[in-house]
Amino acid sequence: MEGSLESDSSKVKVDQANVTALLDHLKDLGIPQSATLIALGSKVYKALEGNLPAGYHLSQLMHYSGMNGHWRFEKERKKVRQIIEAHTAL
């Protein structure tokens, strides 16, 4: 998958190498391991869940794609606030 782009999420396959590359990239950017990672959508969340080393915090927001029909601004805004509050409490 490295170096490829695909907008159809059903065609995207994520493996441990992708997760490792993401973590390396975050490290290069100076993002601390204590930062909360926010997965946008269930596919991203499922790819990261269980593949992150201990110490990483993972939260999920619903993808804003109009195709899902369940996205609500206020609901997601509330989740963002909860994530921020939980992260600052760490």
PDB file of N, CA and C in Angstrom:
ATOM      1  N   MET A   1       0.813  -1.190   0.000  1.00  0.00           N
ATOM      2  CA  MET A   1       0.000   0.000   0.000  1.00  0.00           C
ATOM      3  C   MET A   1       0.854   1.250   0.000  1.00  0.00           C
ATOM      4  N   GLU A   2       2.049   1.181   0.508  1.00  0.00           N
ATOM      5  CA  GLU A   2       2.888   2.366   0.605  1.00  0.00           C
ATOM      6  C   GLU A   2       3.037   3.021  -0.758  1.00  0.00           C
ATOM      7  N   GLY A   3       2.819   4.341  -0.782  1.00  0.00           N
ATOM      8  CA  GLY A   3       2.968   5.081  -2.019  1.00  0.00           C
ATOM      9  C   GLY A   3       1.754   5.048  -2.922  1.00  0.00           C
ATOM     10  N   SER A   4       0.710   4.325  -2.524  1.00  0.00           N
ATOM     11  CA  SER A   4      -0.477   4.252  -3.373  1.00  0.00           C
ATOM     12  C   SER A   4      -1.591   5.093  -2.776  1.00  0.00           C
ATOM     13  N   LEU A   5      -2.471   5.546  -3.639  1.00  0.00           N
ATOM     14  CA  LEU A   5      -3.633   6.316  -3.216  1.00  0.00           C
ATOM     15  C   LEU A   5      -4.883   5.614  -3.709  1.00  0.00           C
ATOM     16  N   GLU A   6      -5.899   5.567  -2.866  1.00  0.00           N
ATOM     17  CA  GLU A   6      -7.157   4.931  -3.244  1.00  0.00           C
ATOM     18  C   GLU A   6      -8.278   5.615  -2.488  1.00  0.00           C
ATOM     19  N   SER A   7      -9.269   6.093  -3.215  1.00  0.00           N
ATOM     20  CA  SER A   7     -10.383   6.760  -2.551  1.00  0.00           C
ATOM     21  C   SER A   7     -11.513   5.801  -2.197  1.00  0.00           C
ATOM     22  N   ASP A   8     -11.509   4.619  -2.737  1.00  0.00           N
ATOM     23  CA  ASP A   8     -12.530   3.622  -2.426  1.00  0.00           C
ATOM     24  C   ASP A   8     -12.031   2.786  -1.249  1.00  0.00           C
ATOM     25  N   SER A   9     -12.564   3.061  -0.054  1.00  0.00           N
ATOM     26  CA  SER A   9     -12.057   2.401   1.149  1.00  0.00           C
ATOM     27  C   SER A   9     -12.232   0.889   1.124  1.00  0.00           C
ATOM     28  N   SER A  10     -13.160   0.391   0.331  1.00  0.00           N
ATOM     29  CA  SER A  10     -13.338  -1.065   0.265  1.00  0.00           C
ATOM     30  C   SER A  10     -12.143  -1.737  -0.416  1.00  0.00           C
ATOM     31  N   LYS A  11     -11.338  -0.964  -1.136  1.00  0.00           N
ATOM     32  CA  LYS A  11     -10.165  -1.515  -1.823  1.00  0.00           C
ATOM     33  C   LYS A  11      -8.879  -1.334  -1.023  1.00  0.00           C
ATOM     34  N   VAL A  12      -8.970  -0.652   0.098  1.00  0.00           N
ATOM     35  CA  VAL A  12      -7.783  -0.382   0.895  1.00  0.00           C
ATOM     36  C   VAL A  12      -7.573  -1.503   1.905  1.00  0.00           C
ATOM     37  N   LYS A  13      -6.383  -2.036   1.910  1.00  0.00           N
ATOM     38  CA  LYS A  13      -6.005  -3.078   2.868  1.00  0.00           C
ATOM     39  C   LYS A  13      -4.857  -2.534   3.706  1.00  0.00           C
ATOM     40  N   VAL A  14      -5.053  -2.506   5.014  1.00  0.00           N
ATOM     41  CA  VAL A  14      -4.049  -1.973   5.925  1.00  0.00           C
ATOM     42  C   VAL A  14      -3.426  -3.131   6.691  1.00  0.00           C
ATOM     43  N   ASP A  15      -2.099  -3.107   6.787  1.00  0.00           N
ATOM     44  CA  ASP A  15      -1.411  -4.141   7.552  1.00  0.00           C
ATOM     45  C   ASP A  15      -0.496  -3.491   8.584  1.00  0.00           C
ATOM     46  N   GLN A  16       0.199  -4.318   9.347  1.00  0.00           N
ATOM     47  CA  GLN A  16       1.054  -3.813  10.416  1.00  0.00           C
ATOM     48  C   GLN A  16       2.134  -2.887   9.875  1.00  0.00           C
ATOM     49  N   ALA A  17       2.612  -3.137   8.662  1.00  0.00           N
ATOM     50  CA  ALA A  17       3.637  -2.267   8.072  1.00  0.00           C
ATOM     51  C   ALA A  17       3.106  -0.848   7.895  1.00  0.00           C
ATOM     52  N   ASN A  18       1.828  -0.713   7.538  1.00  0.00           N
ATOM     53  CA  ASN A  18       1.227   0.610   7.394  1.00  0.00           C
ATOM     54  C   ASN A  18       1.135   1.315   8.740  1.00  0.00           C
ATOM     55  N   VAL A  19       0.757   0.574   9.776  1.00  0.00           N
ATOM     56  CA  VAL A  19       0.646   1.146  11.113  1.00  0.00           C
ATOM     57  C   VAL A  19       2.027   1.579  11.593  1.00  0.00           C
ATOM     58  N   THR A  20       3.034   0.753  11.368  1.00  0.00           N
ATOM     59  CA  THR A  20       4.397   1.094  11.753  1.00  0.00           C
ATOM     60  C   THR A  20       4.869   2.343  11.018  1.00  0.00           C
ATOM     61  N   ALA A  21       4.562   2.440   9.730  1.00  0.00           N
ATOM     62  CA  ALA A  21       4.945   3.624   8.950  1.00  0.00           C
ATOM     63  C   ALA A  21       4.259   4.878   9.503  1.00  0.00           C
ATOM     64  N   LEU A  22       2.994   4.755   9.890  1.00  0.00           N
ATOM     65  CA  LEU A  22       2.276   5.886  10.488  1.00  0.00           C
ATOM     66  C   LEU A  22       2.949   6.318  11.788  1.00  0.00           C
ATOM     67  N   LEU A  23       3.261   5.364  12.642  1.00  0.00           N
ATOM     68  CA  LEU A  23       3.886   5.681  13.920  1.00  0.00           C
ATOM     69  C   LEU A  23       5.264   6.315  13.723  1.00  0.00           C
ATOM     70  N   ASP A  24       6.012   5.823  12.742  1.00  0.00           N
ATOM     71  CA  ASP A  24       7.312   6.423  12.421  1.00  0.00           C
ATOM     72  C   ASP A  24       7.137   7.856  11.943  1.00  0.00           C
ATOM     73  N   HIS A  25       6.129   8.082  11.126  1.00  0.00           N
ATOM     74  CA  HIS A  25       5.851   9.423  10.615  1.00  0.00           C
ATOM     75  C   HIS A  25       5.471  10.368  11.759  1.00  0.00           C
ATOM     76  N   LEU A  26       4.623   9.909  12.661  1.00  0.00           N
ATOM     77  CA  LEU A  26       4.238  10.730  13.810  1.00  0.00           C
ATOM     78  C   LEU A  26       5.463  11.068  14.663  1.00  0.00           C
ATOM     79  N   LYS A  27       6.342  10.091  14.840  1.00  0.00           N
ATOM     80  CA  LYS A  27       7.571  10.315  15.608  1.00  0.00           C
ATOM     81  C   LYS A  27       8.436  11.364  14.916  1.00  0.00           C
ATOM     82  N   ASP A  28       8.586  11.255  13.585  1.00  0.00           N
ATOM     83  CA  ASP A  28       9.363  12.232  12.822  1.00  0.00           C
ATOM     84  C   ASP A  28       8.788  13.640  12.957  1.00  0.00           C
ATOM     85  N   LEU A  29       7.472  13.731  13.101  1.00  0.00           N
ATOM     86  CA  LEU A  29       6.805  15.026  13.256  1.00  0.00           C
ATOM     87  C   LEU A  29       6.884  15.555  14.686  1.00  0.00           C
ATOM     88  N   GLY A  30       7.384  14.737  15.589  1.00  0.00           N
ATOM     89  CA  GLY A  30       7.494  15.156  16.984  1.00  0.00           C
ATOM     90  C   GLY A  30       6.211  14.979  17.782  1.00  0.00           C
ATOM     91  N   ILE A  31       5.298  14.151  17.271  1.00  0.00           N
ATOM     92  CA  ILE A  31       4.052  13.880  17.993  1.00  0.00           C
ATOM     93  C   ILE A  31       4.362  12.865  19.091  1.00  0.00           C
ATOM     94  N   PRO A  32       4.124  13.214  20.342  1.00  0.00           N
ATOM     95  CA  PRO A  32       4.470  12.287  21.421  1.00  0.00           C
ATOM     96  C   PRO A  32       3.541  11.067  21.457  1.00  0.00           C
ATOM     97  N   GLN A  33       4.048   9.990  21.989  1.00  0.00           N
ATOM     98  CA  GLN A  33       3.261   8.760  22.116  1.00  0.00           C
ATOM     99  C   GLN A  33       2.046   8.978  23.010  1.00  0.00           C
ATOM    100  N   SER A  34       2.102   9.978  23.865  1.00  0.00           N
ATOM    101  CA  SER A  34       0.987  10.254  24.765  1.00  0.00           C
ATOM    102  C   SER A  34      -0.181  10.969  24.072  1.00  0.00           C
ATOM    103  N   ALA A  35       0.031  11.411  22.833  1.00  0.00           N
ATOM    104  CA  ALA A  35      -1.045  12.081  22.091  1.00  0.00           C
ATOM    105  C   ALA A  35      -2.177  11.098  21.805  1.00  0.00           C
ATOM    106  N   THR A  36      -3.379  11.604  21.751  1.00  0.00           N
ATOM    107  CA  THR A  36      -4.524  10.775  21.392  1.00  0.00           C
ATOM    108  C   THR A  36      -4.676  10.778  19.879  1.00  0.00           C
ATOM    109  N   LEU A  37      -4.657   9.600  19.285  1.00  0.00           N
ATOM    110  CA  LEU A  37      -4.875   9.474  17.847  1.00  0.00           C
ATOM    111  C   LEU A  37      -6.376   9.390  17.607  1.00  0.00           C
ATOM    112  N   ILE A  38      -6.856  10.136  16.639  1.00  0.00           N
ATOM    113  CA  ILE A  38      -8.281  10.130  16.320  1.00  0.00           C
ATOM    114  C   ILE A  38      -8.463   9.504  14.946  1.00  0.00           C
ATOM    115  N   ALA A  39      -9.127   8.362  14.936  1.00  0.00           N
ATOM    116  CA  ALA A  39      -9.409   7.656  13.690  1.00  0.00           C
ATOM    117  C   ALA A  39     -10.698   8.207  13.097  1.00  0.00           C
ATOM    118  N   LEU A  40     -10.626   8.621  11.855  1.00  0.00           N
ATOM    119  CA  LEU A  40     -11.798   9.156  11.172  1.00  0.00           C
ATOM    120  C   LEU A  40     -12.463   8.028  10.391  1.00  0.00           C
ATOM    121  N   GLY A  41     -13.487   7.442  10.988  1.00  0.00           N
ATOM    122  CA  GLY A  41     -14.208   6.341  10.361  1.00  0.00           C
ATOM    123  C   GLY A  41     -13.858   4.996  10.967  1.00  0.00           C
ATOM    124  N   SER A  42     -14.747   4.047  10.770  1.00  0.00           N
ATOM    125  CA  SER A  42     -14.565   2.727  11.380  1.00  0.00           C
ATOM    126  C   SER A  42     -13.448   1.927  10.728  1.00  0.00           C
ATOM    127  N   LYS A  43     -13.205   2.117   9.436  1.00  0.00           N
ATOM    128  CA  LYS A  43     -12.151   1.355   8.771  1.00  0.00           C
ATOM    129  C   LYS A  43     -10.786   1.728   9.344  1.00  0.00           C
ATOM    130  N   VAL A  44     -10.552   3.006   9.539  1.00  0.00           N
ATOM    131  CA  VAL A  44      -9.281   3.459  10.118  1.00  0.00           C
ATOM    132  C   VAL A  44      -9.175   2.974  11.561  1.00  0.00           C
ATOM    133  N   TYR A  45     -10.262   3.108  12.306  1.00  0.00           N
ATOM    134  CA  TYR A  45     -10.253   2.674  13.706  1.00  0.00           C
ATOM    135  C   TYR A  45      -9.925   1.184  13.813  1.00  0.00           C
ATOM    136  N   LYS A  46     -10.581   0.376  13.003  1.00  0.00           N
ATOM    137  CA  LYS A  46     -10.350  -1.073  13.054  1.00  0.00           C
ATOM    138  C   LYS A  46      -8.922  -1.422  12.647  1.00  0.00           C
ATOM    139  N   ALA A  47      -8.356  -0.656  11.713  1.00  0.00           N
ATOM    140  CA  ALA A  47      -6.981  -0.916  11.288  1.00  0.00           C
ATOM    141  C   ALA A  47      -5.984  -0.614  12.396  1.00  0.00           C
ATOM    142  N   LEU A  48      -6.268   0.423  13.190  1.00  0.00           N
ATOM    143  CA  LEU A  48      -5.346   0.804  14.258  1.00  0.00           C
ATOM    144  C   LEU A  48      -5.596   0.047  15.553  1.00  0.00           C
ATOM    145  N   GLU A  49      -6.844  -0.239  15.830  1.00  0.00           N
ATOM    146  CA  GLU A  49      -7.204  -0.913  17.079  1.00  0.00           C
ATOM    147  C   GLU A  49      -6.497  -2.265  17.156  1.00  0.00           C
ATOM    148  N   GLY A  50      -5.808  -2.474  18.216  1.00  0.00           N
ATOM    149  CA  GLY A  50      -5.113  -3.751  18.394  1.00  0.00           C
ATOM    150  C   GLY A  50      -3.756  -3.814  17.723  1.00  0.00           C
ATOM    151  N   ASN A  51      -3.446  -2.844  16.855  1.00  0.00           N
ATOM    152  CA  ASN A  51      -2.148  -2.828  16.181  1.00  0.00           C
ATOM    153  C   ASN A  51      -1.225  -1.755  16.737  1.00  0.00           C
ATOM    154  N   LEU A  52      -1.738  -0.947  17.652  1.00  0.00           N
ATOM    155  CA  LEU A  52      -0.910   0.088  18.268  1.00  0.00           C
ATOM    156  C   LEU A  52      -0.206  -0.480  19.493  1.00  0.00           C
ATOM    157  N   PRO A  53       1.046  -0.112  19.672  1.00  0.00           N
ATOM    158  CA  PRO A  53       1.747  -0.559  20.884  1.00  0.00           C
ATOM    159  C   PRO A  53       1.094   0.024  22.135  1.00  0.00           C
ATOM    160  N   ALA A  54       1.348  -0.595  23.258  1.00  0.00           N
ATOM    161  CA  ALA A  54       0.820  -0.098  24.529  1.00  0.00           C
ATOM    162  C   ALA A  54       1.272   1.339  24.734  1.00  0.00           C
ATOM    163  N   GLY A  55       0.401   2.129  25.296  1.00  0.00           N
ATOM    164  CA  GLY A  55       0.729   3.520  25.571  1.00  0.00           C
ATOM    165  C   GLY A  55       0.082   4.503  24.614  1.00  0.00           C
ATOM    166  N   TYR A  56      -0.381   4.020  23.490  1.00  0.00           N
ATOM    167  CA  TYR A  56      -1.070   4.894  22.543  1.00  0.00           C
ATOM    168  C   TYR A  56      -2.551   4.963  22.895  1.00  0.00           C
ATOM    169  N   HIS A  57      -3.121   6.133  22.720  1.00  0.00           N
ATOM    170  CA  HIS A  57      -4.536   6.339  22.991  1.00  0.00           C
ATOM    171  C   HIS A  57      -5.236   6.518  21.650  1.00  0.00           C
ATOM    172  N   LEU A  58      -6.326   5.812  21.449  1.00  0.00           N
ATOM    173  CA  LEU A  58      -7.050   5.843  20.179  1.00  0.00           C
ATOM    174  C   LEU A  58      -8.515   6.149  20.436  1.00  0.00           C
ATOM    175  N   SER A  59      -9.028   7.118  19.692  1.00  0.00           N
ATOM    176  CA  SER A  59     -10.453   7.450  19.725  1.00  0.00           C
ATOM    177  C   SER A  59     -10.974   7.444  18.296  1.00  0.00           C
ATOM    178  N   GLN A  60     -12.277   7.410  18.156  1.00  0.00           N
ATOM    179  CA  GLN A  60     -12.883   7.336  16.829  1.00  0.00           C
ATOM    180  C   GLN A  60     -13.947   8.409  16.659  1.00  0.00           C
ATOM    181  N   LEU A  61     -13.951   9.013  15.482  1.00  0.00           N
ATOM    182  CA  LEU A  61     -15.034   9.888  15.057  1.00  0.00           C
ATOM    183  C   LEU A  61     -15.651   9.273  13.816  1.00  0.00           C
ATOM    184  N   MET A  62     -16.934   9.481  13.639  1.00  0.00           N
ATOM    185  CA  MET A  62     -17.602   8.971  12.453  1.00  0.00           C
ATOM    186  C   MET A  62     -17.138   9.766  11.235  1.00  0.00           C
ATOM    187  N   HIS A  63     -16.912   9.086  10.147  1.00  0.00           N
ATOM    188  CA  HIS A  63     -16.519   9.755   8.909  1.00  0.00           C
ATOM    189  C   HIS A  63     -17.676  10.622   8.431  1.00  0.00           C
ATOM    190  N   TYR A  64     -17.357  11.766   7.902  1.00  0.00           N
ATOM    191  CA  TYR A  64     -18.370  12.737   7.493  1.00  0.00           C
ATOM    192  C   TYR A  64     -18.939  12.479   6.103  1.00  0.00           C
ATOM    193  N   SER A  65     -18.603  11.385   5.508  1.00  0.00           N
ATOM    194  CA  SER A  65     -19.095  11.062   4.173  1.00  0.00           C
ATOM    195  C   SER A  65     -20.619  11.124   4.139  1.00  0.00           C
ATOM    196  N   GLY A  66     -21.141  11.797   3.145  1.00  0.00           N
ATOM    197  CA  GLY A  66     -22.590  11.900   3.002  1.00  0.00           C
ATOM    198  C   GLY A  66     -23.254  10.566   2.745  1.00  0.00           C
ATOM    199  N   MET A  67     -22.459   9.565   2.380  1.00  0.00           N
ATOM    200  CA  MET A  67     -23.027   8.260   2.054  1.00  0.00           C
ATOM    201  C   MET A  67     -23.502   7.511   3.289  1.00  0.00           C
ATOM    202  N   ASN A  68     -22.956   7.832   4.467  1.00  0.00           N
ATOM    203  CA  ASN A  68     -23.327   7.027   5.632  1.00  0.00           C
ATOM    204  C   ASN A  68     -24.677   7.428   6.216  1.00  0.00           C
ATOM    205  N   GLY A  69     -25.104   8.660   5.982  1.00  0.00           N
ATOM    206  CA  GLY A  69     -26.427   9.085   6.427  1.00  0.00           C
ATOM    207  C   GLY A  69     -26.626   9.232   7.916  1.00  0.00           C
ATOM    208  N   HIS A  70     -25.598   8.933   8.701  1.00  0.00           N
ATOM    209  CA  HIS A  70     -25.724   8.990  10.157  1.00  0.00           C
ATOM    210  C   HIS A  70     -24.888  10.094  10.782  1.00  0.00           C
ATOM    211  N   TRP A  71     -24.144  10.836   9.998  1.00  0.00           N
ATOM    212  CA  TRP A  71     -23.244  11.849  10.523  1.00  0.00           C
ATOM    213  C   TRP A  71     -24.038  13.053  10.995  1.00  0.00           C
ATOM    214  N   ARG A  72     -23.801  13.448  12.237  1.00  0.00           N
ATOM    215  CA  ARG A  72     -24.472  14.606  12.813  1.00  0.00           C
ATOM    216  C   ARG A  72     -23.423  15.492  13.462  1.00  0.00           C
ATOM    217  N   PHE A  73     -23.397  16.753  13.057  1.00  0.00           N
ATOM    218  CA  PHE A  73     -22.401  17.705  13.528  1.00  0.00           C
ATOM    219  C   PHE A  73     -22.332  17.758  15.053  1.00  0.00           C
ATOM    220  N   GLU A  74     -23.458  17.971  15.692  1.00  0.00           N
ATOM    221  CA  GLU A  74     -23.456  18.138  17.145  1.00  0.00           C
ATOM    222  C   GLU A  74     -22.970  16.879  17.869  1.00  0.00           C
ATOM    223  N   LYS A  75     -23.337  15.724  17.365  1.00  0.00           N
ATOM    224  CA  LYS A  75     -22.909  14.470  17.982  1.00  0.00           C
ATOM    225  C   LYS A  75     -21.385  14.321  17.890  1.00  0.00           C
ATOM    226  N   GLU A  76     -20.824  14.614  16.722  1.00  0.00           N
ATOM    227  CA  GLU A  76     -19.379  14.496  16.539  1.00  0.00           C
ATOM    228  C   GLU A  76     -18.643  15.590  17.305  1.00  0.00           C
ATOM    229  N   ARG A  77     -19.223  16.775  17.368  1.00  0.00           N
ATOM    230  CA  ARG A  77     -18.615  17.860  18.134  1.00  0.00           C
ATOM    231  C   ARG A  77     -18.529  17.474  19.619  1.00  0.00           C
ATOM    232  N   LYS A  78     -19.560  16.837  20.117  1.00  0.00           N
ATOM    233  CA  LYS A  78     -19.569  16.381  21.508  1.00  0.00           C
ATOM    234  C   LYS A  78     -18.467  15.342  21.725  1.00  0.00           C
ATOM    235  N   LYS A  79     -18.287  14.436  20.758  1.00  0.00           N
ATOM    236  CA  LYS A  79     -17.231  13.431  20.860  1.00  0.00           C
ATOM    237  C   LYS A  79     -15.856  14.093  20.893  1.00  0.00           C
ATOM    238  N   VAL A  80     -15.666  15.120  20.051  1.00  0.00           N
ATOM    239  CA  VAL A  80     -14.377  15.823  20.028  1.00  0.00           C
ATOM    240  C   VAL A  80     -14.094  16.436  21.397  1.00  0.00           C
ATOM    241  N   ARG A  81     -15.086  17.062  21.974  1.00  0.00           N
ATOM    242  CA  ARG A  81     -14.913  17.653  23.306  1.00  0.00           C
ATOM    243  C   ARG A  81     -14.588  16.578  24.342  1.00  0.00           C
ATOM    244  N   GLN A  82     -15.242  15.432  24.263  1.00  0.00           N
ATOM    245  CA  GLN A  82     -14.971  14.344  25.205  1.00  0.00           C
ATOM    246  C   GLN A  82     -13.546  13.826  25.037  1.00  0.00           C
ATOM    247  N   ILE A  83     -13.094  13.721  23.800  1.00  0.00           N
ATOM    248  CA  ILE A  83     -11.721  13.261  23.531  1.00  0.00           C
ATOM    249  C   ILE A  83     -10.721  14.247  24.117  1.00  0.00           C
ATOM    250  N   ILE A  84     -10.964  15.534  23.904  1.00  0.00           N
ATOM    251  CA  ILE A  84     -10.055  16.557  24.434  1.00  0.00           C
ATOM    252  C   ILE A  84     -10.031  16.503  25.957  1.00  0.00           C
ATOM    253  N   GLU A  85     -11.199  16.397  26.572  1.00  0.00           N
ATOM    254  CA  GLU A  85     -11.255  16.331  28.030  1.00  0.00           C
ATOM    255  C   GLU A  85     -10.551  15.093  28.565  1.00  0.00           C
ATOM    256  N   ALA A  86     -10.747  13.965  27.913  1.00  0.00           N
ATOM    257  CA  ALA A  86     -10.099  12.729  28.358  1.00  0.00           C
ATOM    258  C   ALA A  86      -8.581  12.829  28.189  1.00  0.00           C
ATOM    259  N   HIS A  87      -8.137  13.425  27.098  1.00  0.00           N
ATOM    260  CA  HIS A  87      -6.698  13.538  26.847  1.00  0.00           C
ATOM    261  C   HIS A  87      -6.048  14.482  27.856  1.00  0.00           C
ATOM    262  N   THR A  88      -6.694  15.581  28.149  1.00  0.00           N
ATOM    263  CA  THR A  88      -6.110  16.535  29.091  1.00  0.00           C
ATOM    264  C   THR A  88      -6.106  15.994  30.517  1.00  0.00           C
ATOM    265  N   ALA A  89      -6.952  15.000  30.778  1.00  0.00           N
ATOM    266  CA  ALA A  89      -6.997  14.393  32.114  1.00  0.00           C
ATOM    267  C   ALA A  89      -5.882  13.355  32.303  1.00  0.00           C
ATOM    268  N   LEU A  90      -5.219  12.964  31.213  1.00  0.00           N
ATOM    269  CA  LEU A  90      -4.172  11.921  31.308  1.00  0.00           C
ATOM    270  C   LEU A  90      -2.969  12.397  32.079  1.00  0.00           C
TER     271      LEU A  90
END
